[in-house]
């Protein structure tokens, strides 16, 4: 597999430090509000990355943090008259509702910043001892000028980065580019004890601490949105490599931005949407589909038309999968004359899917390969005459590929409905055998009233939702 490494600005073969095992860290949300659709993209994209690596036989240790102490969290707590912990726990719970709604799997570990204060203090102390950081009162700052490679991720020289830097009111740092590792507590703010007095961690240091604690000093992949390249990820590299003396992450993956009706998403423009807002109107699965509908580094435009197209595409996939179940019920054990040819065609579409994923996780091209598979299944397995073995093989490949993308997960929720409908269809078939046409019509009408349409075919009765 080859991925575009932000660090080198080139596609590189993805080779883990330990063969067959990947250590991946993904920056998680700051939990002071509901996540928005921009947050949904890295959640879905890097969930697919993890699923694909596992599909290819690798073990993945996937860590994604929660920033549960931050200026925004403290501000929200003051506004609502509750503690910062109550705010963070509330929105972590809301995060999980949205993440599970989009079928995002739980990470191997979901650490919180407040659970890693000792690790953070240890790193800050080491940076001070090595001369990369300095304390001013209860504040501690890192000096990028002490790190010769600062700017290597964003590919900007320190001089250019300095031009846009400034010292905010209340800051006591020596240089505009210096950034906070530890913030002295203001009156009324939550704090922890430290060698420099009461305070709390800066934003960047928490990720360095959690990477080191849960994955080690050097990891395989660090990922997140493009907006995190500078300063967040740049600062992570600086503080981690200065502290540990070894490379921080070998590969960096960053997903593209989301626009709304071709404009940058912004609260001031009135085009800011939370995942919950969109899900209440369209459901969660179309959101996931949209987030992986093109190669992860490309921008995505959210619009009414786009989400409707995603719903239509999902319907095609659901219909194909339901028809495969129907075909399997009517398939025979006898081998078909074209079995080998059909399996070869199925394999070629699976290989096209894999080739796309191997080329920098190109989910857009992979979806193209999946729909080519759907077309072949429809014509050669469902509408054709296939053996039970071929039909089962088609189901396995279809389920494998949709599973890698994390799609069609609502079929499980429909299982009880399937059983009920099948039972009523069997009752209707029995009524028809007994020529009890009134009872057969009654059952058909009852199902229709529930939004379930029956279709009599030469292969048997099919059903679908109206």
Protein backbone atom coordinates (compact mmCIF):
# COMPACT_ATOMS: atom_id res chain seq x y z
CA UNK A 1 0.00 0.00 0.00
CA UNK A 2 1.20 3.50 -0.85
CA UNK A 3 0.02 6.60 0.99
CA UNK A 4 0.70 10.30 0.62
CA UNK A 5 2.94 11.28 3.52
CA UNK A 6 2.46 14.94 4.46
CA UNK A 7 5.95 14.89 5.97
CA UNK A 8 7.65 14.10 2.64
CA UNK A 9 4.93 15.43 0.34
CA UNK A 10 5.08 12.23 -1.68
CA UNK A 11 3.45 8.83 -1.92
CA UNK A 12 5.41 6.23 -0.04
CA UNK A 13 5.08 2.53 0.53
CA UNK A 14 3.43 2.00 3.91
CA UNK A 15 5.76 -0.23 5.93
CA UNK A 16 5.14 -0.67 9.66
CA UNK A 17 7.96 -0.73 12.19
CA UNK A 18 6.82 -4.19 13.26
CA UNK A 19 5.75 -6.43 10.35
CA UNK A 20 2.00 -7.01 10.34
CA UNK A 21 1.31 -4.46 13.10
CA UNK A 22 0.38 -0.78 12.83
CA UNK A 23 0.42 1.81 15.60
CA UNK A 24 -1.91 4.67 14.64
CA UNK A 25 -2.86 7.84 16.50
CA UNK A 26 -5.79 10.02 15.41
CA UNK A 27 -6.55 13.37 17.00
CA UNK A 28 -9.98 13.26 18.60
CA UNK A 29 -12.49 16.01 19.43
CA UNK A 30 -12.44 18.72 22.05
CA UNK A 31 -15.61 17.78 23.91
CA UNK A 32 -17.48 21.01 24.55
CA UNK A 33 -20.24 20.66 21.93
CA UNK A 34 -21.77 18.26 19.39
CA UNK A 35 -19.38 17.23 16.62
CA UNK A 36 -19.95 18.91 13.24
CA UNK A 37 -19.79 17.38 9.76
CA UNK A 38 -16.19 18.52 9.42
CA UNK A 39 -15.33 16.33 12.42
CA UNK A 40 -17.16 13.42 10.81
CA UNK A 41 -14.72 13.14 7.92
CA UNK A 42 -11.57 12.09 9.81
CA UNK A 43 -13.70 9.83 12.01
CA UNK A 44 -15.03 7.93 8.99
CA UNK A 45 -11.91 8.09 6.79
CA UNK A 46 -9.48 6.76 9.37
CA UNK A 47 -12.01 4.18 10.55
CA UNK A 48 -11.87 2.88 6.96
CA UNK A 49 -8.05 2.94 7.05
CA UNK A 50 -8.08 0.79 10.15
CA UNK A 51 -10.69 -1.59 8.74
CA UNK A 52 -8.75 -1.98 5.49
CA UNK A 53 -5.43 -2.69 7.21
CA UNK A 54 -7.16 -5.33 9.31
CA UNK A 55 -8.87 -6.77 6.22
CA UNK A 56 -5.41 -7.23 4.72
CA UNK A 57 -4.38 -9.27 7.74
CA UNK A 58 -2.67 -6.67 9.93
CA UNK A 59 -3.05 -5.99 13.63
CA UNK A 60 -3.89 -2.34 14.36
CA UNK A 61 -3.42 -0.54 17.66
CA UNK A 62 -5.58 2.54 17.12
CA UNK A 63 -5.59 5.35 19.68
CA UNK A 64 -7.89 8.38 19.54
CA UNK A 65 -8.00 10.91 22.35
CA UNK A 66 -10.57 13.16 23.94
CA UNK A 67 -9.45 16.69 24.81
CA UNK A 68 -11.44 17.07 28.03
CA UNK A 69 -9.80 20.21 29.46
CA UNK A 70 -9.58 23.34 27.35
CA UNK A 71 -10.55 27.04 27.30
CA UNK A 72 -13.73 26.24 25.37
CA UNK A 73 -14.75 23.56 27.86
CA UNK A 74 -14.15 25.89 30.79
CA UNK A 75 -16.15 28.64 29.07
CA UNK A 76 -19.06 26.24 28.42
CA UNK A 77 -18.97 25.08 32.05
CA UNK A 78 -19.18 28.67 33.28
CA UNK A 79 -22.06 29.41 30.88
CA UNK A 80 -24.04 26.38 32.06
CA UNK A 81 -23.09 26.65 35.73
CA UNK A 82 -21.63 23.14 35.88
CA UNK A 83 -18.13 21.68 36.25
CA UNK A 84 -15.78 21.20 33.31
CA UNK A 85 -15.96 17.44 33.96
CA UNK A 86 -19.75 17.47 33.59
CA UNK A 87 -19.38 19.32 30.28
CA UNK A 88 -16.79 16.91 28.89
CA UNK A 89 -18.62 13.77 30.02
CA UNK A 90 -21.87 15.08 28.55
CA UNK A 91 -20.34 15.67 25.14
CA UNK A 92 -18.31 12.47 25.14
CA UNK A 93 -21.63 10.67 25.54
CA UNK A 94 -23.10 12.70 22.67
CA UNK A 95 -20.00 11.97 20.60
CA UNK A 96 -20.59 8.25 20.98
CA UNK A 97 -24.18 8.54 19.82
CA UNK A 98 -22.99 10.18 16.61
CA UNK A 99 -19.91 7.99 16.14
CA UNK A 100 -21.87 4.77 16.57
CA UNK A 101 -24.62 6.18 14.36
CA UNK A 102 -22.00 6.49 11.60
CA UNK A 103 -20.69 2.99 12.40
CA UNK A 104 -17.32 4.28 13.59
CA UNK A 105 -15.69 1.55 15.66
CA UNK A 106 -14.28 2.28 19.08
CA UNK A 107 -10.52 2.81 19.09
CA UNK A 108 -8.26 0.36 20.87
CA UNK A 109 -7.85 3.09 23.47
CA UNK A 110 -9.71 6.39 24.00
CA UNK A 111 -7.55 8.27 26.53
CA UNK A 112 -8.46 11.62 28.02
CA UNK A 113 -6.09 14.51 28.61
CA UNK A 114 -7.01 14.65 32.31
CA UNK A 115 -6.05 10.98 32.73
CA UNK A 116 -2.50 11.70 31.59
CA UNK A 117 -1.40 14.67 33.71
CA UNK A 118 1.59 12.79 35.22
CA UNK A 119 2.86 11.83 31.76
CA UNK A 120 2.42 15.42 30.56
CA UNK A 121 4.33 16.82 33.54
CA UNK A 122 7.13 14.32 32.95
CA UNK A 123 7.55 15.40 29.31
CA UNK A 124 7.43 19.10 30.19
CA UNK A 125 10.06 18.58 32.89
CA UNK A 126 12.30 16.74 30.43
CA UNK A 127 11.98 19.54 27.86
CA UNK A 128 12.96 22.12 30.49
CA UNK A 129 15.95 20.00 31.59
CA UNK A 130 17.11 19.66 27.98
CA UNK A 131 16.85 23.39 27.38
CA UNK A 132 13.97 23.34 24.88
CA UNK A 133 11.43 24.87 27.25
CA UNK A 134 11.38 27.44 30.02
CA UNK A 135 9.12 28.38 32.92
CA UNK A 136 7.88 31.89 33.61
CA UNK A 137 5.99 31.81 36.87
CA UNK A 138 3.39 29.04 36.56
CA UNK A 139 3.54 29.00 32.74
CA UNK A 140 5.88 26.82 30.68
CA UNK A 141 6.70 27.54 27.04
CA UNK A 142 8.47 25.60 24.29
CA UNK A 143 10.96 27.46 22.11
CA UNK A 144 10.70 26.36 18.43
CA UNK A 145 13.96 28.16 17.64
CA UNK A 146 15.76 25.48 19.67
CA UNK A 147 14.48 22.76 17.29
CA UNK A 148 16.31 22.96 13.97
CA UNK A 149 13.67 20.96 12.10
CA UNK A 150 10.69 23.06 13.17
CA UNK A 151 8.42 23.56 10.14
CA UNK A 152 9.25 20.24 8.46
CA UNK A 153 5.63 19.06 8.45
CA UNK A 154 4.04 22.28 7.23
CA UNK A 155 7.02 22.80 4.89
CA UNK A 156 7.53 26.39 5.94
CA UNK A 157 10.73 27.96 7.22
CA UNK A 158 10.68 29.30 10.76
CA UNK A 159 11.05 32.86 9.47
CA UNK A 160 7.77 32.63 7.51
CA UNK A 161 5.96 31.10 10.45
CA UNK A 162 7.26 33.81 12.76
CA UNK A 163 5.79 36.51 10.54
CA UNK A 164 2.25 35.59 11.58
CA UNK A 165 2.99 34.92 15.23
CA UNK A 166 2.16 37.26 18.09
CA UNK A 167 2.09 37.47 21.86
CA UNK A 168 -1.43 37.58 23.25
CA UNK A 169 -2.51 39.68 26.20
CA UNK A 170 -1.52 37.95 29.41
CA UNK A 171 1.19 35.80 27.84
CA UNK A 172 4.72 36.12 29.20
CA UNK A 173 6.64 34.12 26.60
CA UNK A 174 9.98 35.30 25.24
CA UNK A 175 9.29 34.94 21.51
CA UNK A 176 6.05 35.19 19.49
CA UNK A 177 6.50 31.62 18.16
CA UNK A 178 6.88 30.06 21.62
CA UNK A 179 3.87 27.95 22.58
CA UNK A 180 2.44 26.86 25.93
CA UNK A 181 3.20 23.44 27.35
CA UNK A 182 1.67 24.26 30.73
CA UNK A 183 -0.71 27.09 31.63
CA UNK A 184 -0.82 28.60 35.09
CA UNK A 185 -4.34 28.54 36.52
CA UNK A 186 -6.39 31.72 36.53
CA UNK A 187 -8.71 32.40 39.49
CA UNK A 188 -11.66 30.01 39.47
CA UNK A 189 -10.18 27.68 36.83
CA UNK A 190 -9.62 23.94 37.37
CA UNK A 191 -5.98 23.04 38.00
CA UNK A 192 -3.48 20.31 38.84
CA UNK A 193 -0.40 20.45 41.01
CA UNK A 194 2.90 20.74 39.13
CA UNK A 195 6.54 21.74 39.78
CA UNK A 196 5.63 25.17 38.39
CA UNK A 197 2.51 25.74 40.44
CA UNK A 198 -1.21 25.20 39.90
CA UNK A 199 -2.13 24.84 36.24
CA UNK A 200 -3.25 22.67 33.35
CA UNK A 201 -1.71 21.31 30.15
CA UNK A 202 -1.52 23.21 26.87
CA UNK A 203 -3.38 21.71 23.92
CA UNK A 204 -0.43 20.30 21.95
CA UNK A 205 1.37 18.51 24.78
CA UNK A 206 -1.51 16.17 25.60
CA UNK A 207 -1.20 14.29 22.30
CA UNK A 208 2.56 13.84 22.69
CA UNK A 209 1.95 12.40 26.14
CA UNK A 210 -0.81 10.03 25.05
CA UNK A 211 1.11 8.82 21.99
CA UNK A 212 4.12 7.97 24.12
CA UNK A 213 2.11 6.30 26.86
CA UNK A 214 -0.20 4.18 24.71
CA UNK A 215 1.84 3.60 21.53
CA UNK A 216 5.49 4.35 22.25
CA UNK A 217 8.03 6.98 21.26
CA UNK A 218 7.80 6.29 17.52
CA UNK A 219 4.53 5.36 15.80
CA UNK A 220 3.62 4.32 12.28
CA UNK A 221 0.84 6.75 11.35
CA UNK A 222 -0.46 10.00 12.83
CA UNK A 223 -3.61 11.32 11.21
CA UNK A 224 -6.13 14.13 11.36
CA UNK A 225 -7.63 16.98 9.38
CA UNK A 226 -5.56 19.35 7.23
CA UNK A 227 -6.34 22.17 9.65
CA UNK A 228 -4.18 20.41 12.27
CA UNK A 229 -0.96 20.38 10.24
CA UNK A 230 0.03 23.74 11.71
CA UNK A 231 0.39 24.49 14.48
CA UNK A 232 -0.90 21.41 16.30
CA UNK A 233 0.92 18.59 14.53
CA UNK A 234 4.01 20.70 13.93
CA UNK A 235 4.21 21.36 17.66
CA UNK A 236 3.63 17.71 18.50
CA UNK A 237 6.62 16.74 16.40
CA UNK A 238 8.84 19.39 17.99
CA UNK A 239 8.06 18.60 21.62
CA UNK A 240 8.04 14.80 21.13
CA UNK A 241 11.29 14.57 19.18
CA UNK A 242 13.09 17.01 21.47
CA UNK A 243 11.93 15.05 24.51
CA UNK A 244 12.46 11.51 23.24
CA UNK A 245 15.34 12.00 20.80
CA UNK A 246 13.78 9.77 18.13
CA UNK A 247 11.38 10.32 15.17
CA UNK A 248 7.80 10.85 16.32
CA UNK A 249 5.66 9.46 13.48
CA UNK A 250 6.89 7.87 10.26
CA UNK A 251 3.79 8.74 8.20
CA UNK A 252 1.33 11.63 8.42
CA UNK A 253 -2.12 11.45 6.80
CA UNK A 254 -4.40 14.49 6.57
CA UNK A 255 -7.93 14.56 5.16
CA UNK A 256 -9.33 17.42 3.06
CA UNK A 257 -11.82 20.05 4.11
CA UNK A 258 -15.61 20.05 3.78
CA UNK A 259 -17.47 22.93 2.18
CA UNK A 260 -21.21 23.59 2.34
CA UNK A 261 -22.79 24.52 -1.00
CA UNK A 262 -19.24 25.30 -2.17
CA UNK A 263 -18.56 27.73 0.68
CA UNK A 264 -16.34 27.29 3.71
CA UNK A 265 -18.38 26.02 6.66
CA UNK A 266 -18.72 28.78 9.23
CA UNK A 267 -21.13 29.75 11.99
CA UNK A 268 -20.95 33.35 10.78
CA UNK A 269 -22.18 32.29 7.32
CA UNK A 270 -25.04 30.29 8.79
CA UNK A 271 -23.91 27.09 7.04
CA UNK A 272 -22.58 25.25 10.09
CA UNK A 273 -24.11 21.79 10.59
CA UNK A 274 -23.62 19.28 13.37
CA UNK A 275 -23.71 15.58 12.59
CA UNK A 276 -26.82 15.37 14.77
CA UNK A 277 -28.59 18.03 12.67
CA UNK A 278 -27.93 16.16 9.43
CA UNK A 279 -28.66 12.71 10.88
CA UNK A 280 -32.07 13.77 12.18
CA UNK A 281 -33.02 14.76 8.65
CA UNK A 282 -31.27 12.13 6.51
CA UNK A 283 -30.00 9.39 8.84
CA UNK A 284 -26.41 8.61 9.78
CA UNK A 285 -25.40 6.22 7.02
CA UNK A 286 -25.66 8.76 4.16
CA UNK A 287 -23.26 10.96 6.16
CA UNK A 288 -20.72 8.15 6.37
CA UNK A 289 -21.14 7.43 2.66
CA UNK A 290 -20.54 11.09 1.79
CA UNK A 291 -17.37 11.21 3.90
CA UNK A 292 -15.79 8.33 1.95
CA UNK A 293 -17.30 9.12 -1.45
CA UNK A 294 -14.01 10.50 -2.76
CA UNK A 295 -10.29 10.16 -2.04
CA UNK A 296 -9.66 11.39 1.50
CA UNK A 297 -7.30 14.24 0.59
CA UNK A 298 -9.80 15.79 -1.85
CA UNK A 299 -12.32 18.38 -0.64
CA UNK A 300 -15.96 17.34 -0.20
CA UNK A 301 -18.93 19.60 -0.80
CA UNK A 302 -21.95 19.00 1.41
CA UNK A 303 -25.29 19.85 -0.17
CA UNK A 304 -28.86 18.58 -0.35
CA UNK A 305 -28.18 17.02 -3.76
CA UNK A 306 -25.00 15.33 -2.54
CA UNK A 307 -26.67 13.68 0.44
CA UNK A 308 -29.61 12.55 -1.72
CA UNK A 309 -27.16 10.94 -4.15
CA UNK A 310 -25.56 9.12 -1.24
CA UNK A 311 -28.97 7.79 -0.16
CA UNK A 312 -29.66 6.58 -3.70
CA UNK A 313 -26.28 4.81 -3.87
CA UNK A 314 -26.90 3.12 -0.54
CA UNK A 315 -30.30 1.92 -1.75
CA UNK A 316 -28.59 0.23 -4.72
CA UNK A 317 -26.23 -1.56 -2.37
CA UNK A 318 -29.01 -2.63 0.01
CA UNK A 319 -31.12 -3.89 -2.89
CA UNK A 320 -28.23 -5.94 -4.26
CA UNK A 321 -27.54 -7.49 -0.87
CA UNK A 322 -31.21 -8.31 -0.26
CA UNK A 323 -31.46 -9.85 -3.71
CA UNK A 324 -28.42 -12.00 -2.96
CA UNK A 325 -30.20 -13.39 0.09
CA UNK A 326 -33.19 -14.16 -2.09
CA UNK A 327 -31.03 -15.77 -4.76
CA UNK A 328 -29.34 -17.96 -2.15
CA UNK A 329 -32.69 -19.36 -0.99
CA UNK A 330 -33.48 -20.44 -4.52
CA UNK A 331 -29.98 -21.58 -5.57
CA UNK A 332 -29.23 -25.28 -6.13
CA UNK A 333 -26.28 -27.33 -4.90
CA UNK A 334 -25.55 -28.41 -8.46
CA UNK A 335 -22.52 -26.70 -10.00
CA UNK A 336 -23.29 -24.35 -12.88
CA UNK A 337 -21.56 -24.34 -16.24
CA UNK A 338 -20.39 -20.76 -15.76
CA UNK A 339 -19.36 -20.96 -12.11
CA UNK A 340 -15.63 -20.55 -12.73
CA UNK A 341 -16.19 -17.61 -15.07
CA UNK A 342 -18.47 -15.84 -12.60
CA UNK A 343 -16.01 -16.33 -9.73
CA UNK A 344 -13.23 -14.95 -11.92
CA UNK A 345 -15.29 -11.85 -12.70
CA UNK A 346 -16.13 -11.34 -9.01
CA UNK A 347 -12.44 -11.63 -8.14
CA UNK A 348 -11.50 -9.07 -10.79
CA UNK A 349 -13.87 -6.50 -9.25
CA UNK A 350 -12.59 -7.29 -5.76
CA UNK A 351 -9.04 -6.77 -7.04
CA UNK A 352 -10.04 -3.42 -8.54
CA UNK A 353 -11.39 -2.41 -5.14
CA UNK A 354 -8.14 -3.46 -3.46
CA UNK A 355 -6.00 -1.67 -6.06
CA UNK A 356 -7.88 1.57 -5.35
CA UNK A 357 -7.45 1.20 -1.59
CA UNK A 358 -3.76 0.39 -2.01
CA UNK A 359 -3.35 3.66 -3.93
CA UNK A 360 -3.50 6.12 -1.03
CA UNK A 361 -6.80 4.85 0.38
CA UNK A 362 -8.80 5.96 -2.66
CA UNK A 363 -12.28 5.15 -1.38
CA UNK A 364 -13.88 6.97 -4.31
CA UNK A 365 -12.31 4.57 -6.82
CA UNK A 366 -12.97 1.66 -4.48
CA UNK A 367 -16.68 2.50 -4.49
CA UNK A 368 -16.52 2.48 -8.29
CA UNK A 369 -15.14 -1.05 -8.15
CA UNK A 370 -17.85 -2.03 -5.67
CA UNK A 371 -20.60 -0.84 -8.00
CA UNK A 372 -19.02 -2.72 -10.89
CA UNK A 373 -19.26 -5.79 -8.65
CA UNK A 374 -22.94 -4.97 -8.01
CA UNK A 375 -23.59 -4.84 -11.76
CA UNK A 376 -21.96 -8.23 -12.32
CA UNK A 377 -23.79 -9.76 -9.37
CA UNK A 378 -27.12 -8.44 -10.65
CA UNK A 379 -26.64 -9.84 -14.15
CA UNK A 380 -24.74 -13.07 -13.50
CA UNK A 381 -25.76 -14.19 -10.03
CA UNK A 382 -29.20 -12.74 -9.30
CA UNK A 383 -30.75 -12.65 -12.78
CA UNK A 384 -28.65 -15.56 -14.06
CA UNK A 385 -28.55 -19.16 -12.94
CA UNK A 386 -25.89 -19.64 -10.30
CA UNK A 387 -25.09 -22.44 -7.93
CA UNK A 388 -25.35 -22.11 -4.17
CA UNK A 389 -21.55 -22.09 -3.89
CA UNK A 390 -21.16 -19.16 -6.31
CA UNK A 391 -23.96 -17.21 -4.64
CA UNK A 392 -22.35 -17.72 -1.23
CA UNK A 393 -19.01 -16.59 -2.64
CA UNK A 394 -20.60 -13.46 -4.11
CA UNK A 395 -22.15 -12.70 -0.71
CA UNK A 396 -18.80 -13.14 1.05
CA UNK A 397 -16.93 -10.79 -1.30
CA UNK A 398 -19.76 -8.23 -1.22
CA UNK A 399 -19.90 -8.31 2.59
CA UNK A 400 -16.11 -8.10 2.88
CA UNK A 401 -15.88 -4.98 0.72
CA UNK A 402 -18.86 -3.16 2.18
CA UNK A 403 -17.54 -4.10 5.62
CA UNK A 404 -14.17 -2.48 4.86
CA UNK A 405 -16.05 0.73 4.02
CA UNK A 406 -18.28 0.33 7.07
CA UNK A 407 -21.48 0.35 5.00
CA UNK A 408 -24.78 -1.58 5.10
CA UNK A 409 -24.66 -1.84 8.87
CA UNK A 410 -28.39 -1.21 9.18
CA UNK A 411 -29.17 -4.65 7.77
CA UNK A 412 -28.59 -6.04 11.26
CA UNK A 413 -31.29 -3.80 12.65
CA UNK A 414 -33.71 -5.14 10.04
CA UNK A 415 -33.18 -8.79 10.94
CA UNK A 416 -36.29 -9.07 13.09
CA UNK A 417 -38.31 -7.39 10.34
CA UNK A 418 -36.95 -9.91 7.82
CA UNK A 419 -38.06 -12.82 9.97
CA UNK A 420 -41.56 -11.42 10.44
CA UNK A 421 -42.04 -10.72 6.72
CA UNK A 422 -40.73 -14.15 5.71
CA UNK A 423 -43.17 -15.76 8.13
CA UNK A 424 -46.10 -13.86 6.61
CA UNK A 425 -44.93 -14.69 3.07
CA UNK A 426 -44.89 -18.36 4.01
CA UNK A 427 -48.46 -18.01 5.37
CA UNK A 428 -49.50 -16.36 2.10
CA UNK A 429 -47.85 -19.13 0.05
CA UNK A 430 -49.75 -21.72 2.06
CA UNK A 431 -53.01 -19.84 1.47
CA UNK A 432 -52.32 -19.78 -2.28
CA UNK A 433 -51.62 -23.53 -2.29
CA UNK A 434 -54.99 -24.02 -0.60
CA UNK A 435 -56.52 -21.60 -3.16
CA UNK A 436 -57.61 -19.37 -0.32
CA UNK A 437 -57.21 -16.24 -2.47
CA UNK A 438 -58.99 -13.98 0.03
CA UNK A 439 -56.49 -14.84 2.79
CA UNK A 440 -53.55 -14.46 0.40
CA UNK A 441 -54.79 -11.01 -0.63
CA UNK A 442 -55.38 -10.04 3.00
CA UNK A 443 -51.76 -10.85 3.92
CA UNK A 444 -50.46 -8.95 0.88
CA UNK A 445 -52.60 -5.92 1.81
CA UNK A 446 -51.50 -6.08 5.46
CA UNK A 447 -47.84 -6.00 4.43
CA UNK A 448 -48.50 -3.22 1.96
CA UNK A 449 -50.09 -1.15 4.71
CA UNK A 450 -46.83 -1.59 6.64
CA UNK A 451 -44.85 -0.29 3.68
CA UNK A 452 -43.72 -3.73 2.46
CA UNK A 453 -44.31 -4.58 -1.20
CA UNK A 454 -44.46 -8.19 -2.41
CA UNK A 455 -43.42 -9.15 -5.92
CA UNK A 456 -44.28 -12.55 -7.41
CA UNK A 457 -41.45 -13.77 -9.68
CA UNK A 458 -40.68 -17.08 -11.43
CA UNK A 459 -38.04 -17.70 -8.73
CA UNK A 460 -40.47 -17.03 -5.89
CA UNK A 461 -41.79 -14.07 -3.89
CA UNK A 462 -39.51 -11.07 -3.34
CA UNK A 463 -40.23 -8.22 -0.98
CA UNK A 464 -38.92 -4.73 -0.52
CA UNK A 465 -39.78 -1.61 1.43
CA UNK A 466 -42.05 0.83 -0.42
